[in-house]
Amino acid sequence: MIAIVAGHQFAAAASILAVQGFALAATFVSVVWSYGLLALGLHRSILVLNGAVLALAAVLISLLVHFDGAHGAAIGTVACEAVGAVGAAALVIRGRPALRPSLRVVPRVALATGLACLPLLLTDIPVIVRLVISSSLYLLTVLLTGAVPAELYALLPRRWRR
């Protein structure tokens, strides 16, 4: 992918971008919880959390860059994004304990994720085909195991609900 987007001279960035992929996942989780904080009107919590994560990033990434260059910076970014995600979740739960997520769904989602990763082993087929297979496996597994939240079903037209 790097060769297509930026050219072969940037191939060395692939390992760093692979680490940054985890930061992107943590950012996604952080944004979900941060919108929860925003919806609950916990503006001060948002400000304090973001300030703390920014300070952590400044210190941690500076140290890790010194020891491991761009790879260290990527690891520091992942760590800071993960701290932000966990912090935002903790603040939402502290602000509204009724919003604590159920951990019963975790094994089901883990199973769906594991099954969705299996097509990665099929290296002889095009990436788009693997993507379709992975997405289908994930969707089918979460539907069959009941990992889809009831609130999501409530948004569907009546004839599609279970």
Protein backbone atom coordinates (compact mmCIF):
# COMPACT_ATOMS: atom_id res chain seq x y z
CA MET A 1 0.00 0.00 0.00
CA ILE A 2 2.85 2.39 0.80
CA ALA A 3 4.29 1.84 -2.68
CA ILE A 4 0.96 2.78 -4.25
CA VAL A 5 0.29 5.85 -2.12
CA ALA A 6 3.76 7.31 -1.63
CA GLY A 7 6.22 5.30 -3.68
CA HIS A 8 8.84 2.69 -2.90
CA GLN A 9 11.15 5.23 -1.24
CA PHE A 10 8.73 5.30 1.75
CA ALA A 11 8.64 1.52 2.30
CA ALA A 12 10.53 1.91 5.59
CA ALA A 13 7.51 3.76 7.01
CA ALA A 14 5.36 0.63 6.81
CA SER A 15 6.38 -0.75 10.22
CA ILE A 16 5.78 2.62 11.87
CA LEU A 17 2.38 2.97 10.22
CA ALA A 18 1.50 -0.54 11.38
CA VAL A 19 2.05 0.61 14.97
CA GLN A 20 0.07 3.78 14.27
CA GLY A 21 -2.86 1.56 13.27
CA PHE A 22 -3.26 0.66 16.93
CA ALA A 23 -3.31 4.37 17.79
CA LEU A 24 -6.10 4.82 15.29
CA ALA A 25 -8.11 2.05 16.94
CA ALA A 26 -7.58 3.63 20.37
CA THR A 27 -8.61 7.02 18.96
CA PHE A 28 -11.85 5.48 17.70
CA VAL A 29 -12.64 4.13 21.18
CA SER A 30 -11.63 7.42 22.78
CA VAL A 31 -13.93 9.43 20.51
CA VAL A 32 -16.89 7.19 21.38
CA TRP A 33 -16.39 7.72 25.11
CA SER A 34 -15.58 11.42 24.65
CA TYR A 35 -18.91 11.96 22.90
CA GLY A 36 -20.47 10.31 25.94
CA LEU A 37 -18.77 12.88 28.15
CA LEU A 38 -19.97 15.65 25.87
CA ALA A 39 -23.55 14.34 25.85
CA LEU A 40 -23.53 14.20 29.64
CA GLY A 41 -22.33 17.79 29.85
CA LEU A 42 -19.08 16.79 31.57
CA HIS A 43 -17.11 19.55 29.86
CA ARG A 44 -14.62 20.03 32.67
CA SER A 45 -13.78 16.33 32.59
CA ILE A 46 -13.13 16.55 28.85
CA LEU A 47 -10.80 19.51 29.35
CA VAL A 48 -8.87 17.91 32.24
CA LEU A 49 -8.55 14.56 30.46
CA ASN A 50 -7.33 16.08 27.21
CA GLY A 51 -4.88 18.33 29.05
CA ALA A 52 -3.50 15.38 31.00
CA VAL A 53 -3.13 13.23 27.88
CA LEU A 54 -1.45 16.12 26.05
CA ALA A 55 1.06 16.54 28.89
CA LEU A 56 1.65 12.77 28.96
CA ALA A 57 2.18 12.78 25.19
CA ALA A 58 4.70 15.60 25.38
CA VAL A 59 6.78 13.79 27.99
CA LEU A 60 6.38 10.17 26.86
CA ILE A 61 6.81 10.72 23.14
CA SER A 62 9.82 12.97 23.70
CA LEU A 63 11.48 10.23 25.74
CA LEU A 64 10.60 7.44 23.34
CA VAL A 65 11.77 9.43 20.29
CA HIS A 66 15.11 9.84 22.02
CA PHE A 67 15.45 6.07 22.49
CA ASP A 68 13.79 4.67 19.36
CA GLY A 69 13.14 7.46 16.87
CA ALA A 70 9.96 7.34 14.82
CA HIS A 71 9.12 3.86 16.08
CA GLY A 72 9.28 5.16 19.66
CA ALA A 73 7.05 8.08 18.73
CA ALA A 74 4.51 5.65 17.28
CA ILE A 75 4.55 3.55 20.45
CA GLY A 76 4.16 6.68 22.58
CA THR A 77 1.20 7.76 20.46
CA VAL A 78 -0.47 4.37 20.93
CA ALA A 79 0.08 4.54 24.68
CA CYS A 80 -1.30 8.07 24.98
CA GLU A 81 -4.36 7.31 22.86
CA ALA A 82 -5.02 4.20 24.96
CA VAL A 83 -4.75 6.25 28.17
CA GLY A 84 -7.19 8.77 26.70
CA ALA A 85 -9.67 6.03 25.77
CA VAL A 86 -9.51 4.35 29.17
CA GLY A 87 -9.67 7.71 30.93
CA ALA A 88 -12.73 8.84 28.98
CA ALA A 89 -14.47 5.53 29.69
CA ALA A 90 -13.69 5.81 33.39
CA LEU A 91 -15.02 9.37 33.51
CA VAL A 92 -18.27 8.45 31.75
CA ILE A 93 -18.81 5.52 34.12
CA ARG A 94 -17.96 7.67 37.14
CA GLY A 95 -20.36 10.37 35.94
CA ARG A 96 -23.18 7.90 35.17
CA PRO A 97 -22.63 4.43 36.67
CA ALA A 98 -25.68 3.12 34.80
CA LEU A 99 -23.68 3.51 31.56
CA ARG A 100 -21.12 0.89 32.58
CA PRO A 101 -20.90 -1.48 29.61
CA SER A 102 -21.64 -5.15 30.07
CA LEU A 103 -18.59 -7.35 29.66
CA ARG A 104 -20.78 -10.33 28.65
CA VAL A 105 -20.47 -9.28 25.02
CA VAL A 106 -16.65 -9.26 25.00
CA PRO A 107 -16.18 -13.01 24.31
CA ARG A 108 -18.69 -12.83 21.46
CA VAL A 109 -16.99 -9.84 19.87
CA ALA A 110 -13.59 -11.48 20.39
CA LEU A 111 -14.84 -14.59 18.58
CA ALA A 112 -16.20 -12.48 15.72
CA THR A 113 -12.93 -10.57 15.49
CA GLY A 114 -10.87 -13.76 15.48
CA LEU A 115 -12.98 -15.30 12.74
CA ALA A 116 -12.84 -12.07 10.74
CA CYS A 117 -9.03 -12.19 10.87
CA LEU A 118 -8.84 -15.67 9.34
CA PRO A 119 -9.03 -14.42 5.72
CA LEU A 120 -5.72 -12.61 6.35
CA LEU A 121 -4.14 -16.05 5.96
CA LEU A 122 -5.46 -16.30 2.39
CA THR A 123 -2.65 -14.37 0.74
CA ASP A 124 -3.33 -15.71 -2.74
CA ILE A 125 -6.65 -13.86 -3.17
CA PRO A 126 -7.13 -10.11 -3.73
CA VAL A 127 -7.34 -7.83 -0.71
CA ILE A 128 -10.84 -6.66 -1.60
CA VAL A 129 -12.09 -10.25 -1.59
CA ARG A 130 -10.48 -10.84 1.81
CA LEU A 131 -12.14 -7.65 3.06
CA VAL A 132 -15.57 -8.83 1.91
CA ILE A 133 -15.03 -12.26 3.50
CA SER A 134 -13.78 -10.73 6.76
CA SER A 135 -16.64 -8.26 6.97
CA SER A 136 -19.19 -10.99 6.22
CA LEU A 137 -17.71 -13.31 8.84
CA TYR A 138 -17.74 -10.56 11.46
CA LEU A 139 -21.32 -9.47 10.74
CA LEU A 140 -22.61 -13.04 10.64
CA THR A 141 -20.87 -13.94 13.91
CA VAL A 142 -22.10 -10.91 15.86
CA LEU A 143 -25.63 -11.53 14.59
CA LEU A 144 -25.60 -15.26 15.41
CA THR A 145 -24.04 -14.81 18.86
CA GLY A 146 -26.33 -11.96 19.87
CA ALA A 147 -23.52 -9.44 20.23
CA VAL A 148 -25.51 -6.67 18.53
CA PRO A 149 -26.95 -4.23 21.11
CA ALA A 150 -30.74 -4.07 21.42
CA GLU A 151 -30.53 -0.30 20.86
CA LEU A 152 -29.19 -0.92 17.39
CA TYR A 153 -32.05 -3.27 16.54
CA ALA A 154 -34.48 -0.60 17.72
CA LEU A 155 -33.20 1.70 14.96
CA LEU A 156 -34.10 -0.80 12.23
CA PRO A 157 -37.45 -0.72 10.40
CA ARG A 158 -40.01 -2.96 12.15
CA ARG A 159 -39.98 -5.64 9.46
CA TRP A 160 -36.21 -6.16 9.91
CA ARG A 161 -36.30 -6.50 13.70
CA ARG A 162 -36.08 -9.88 15.32
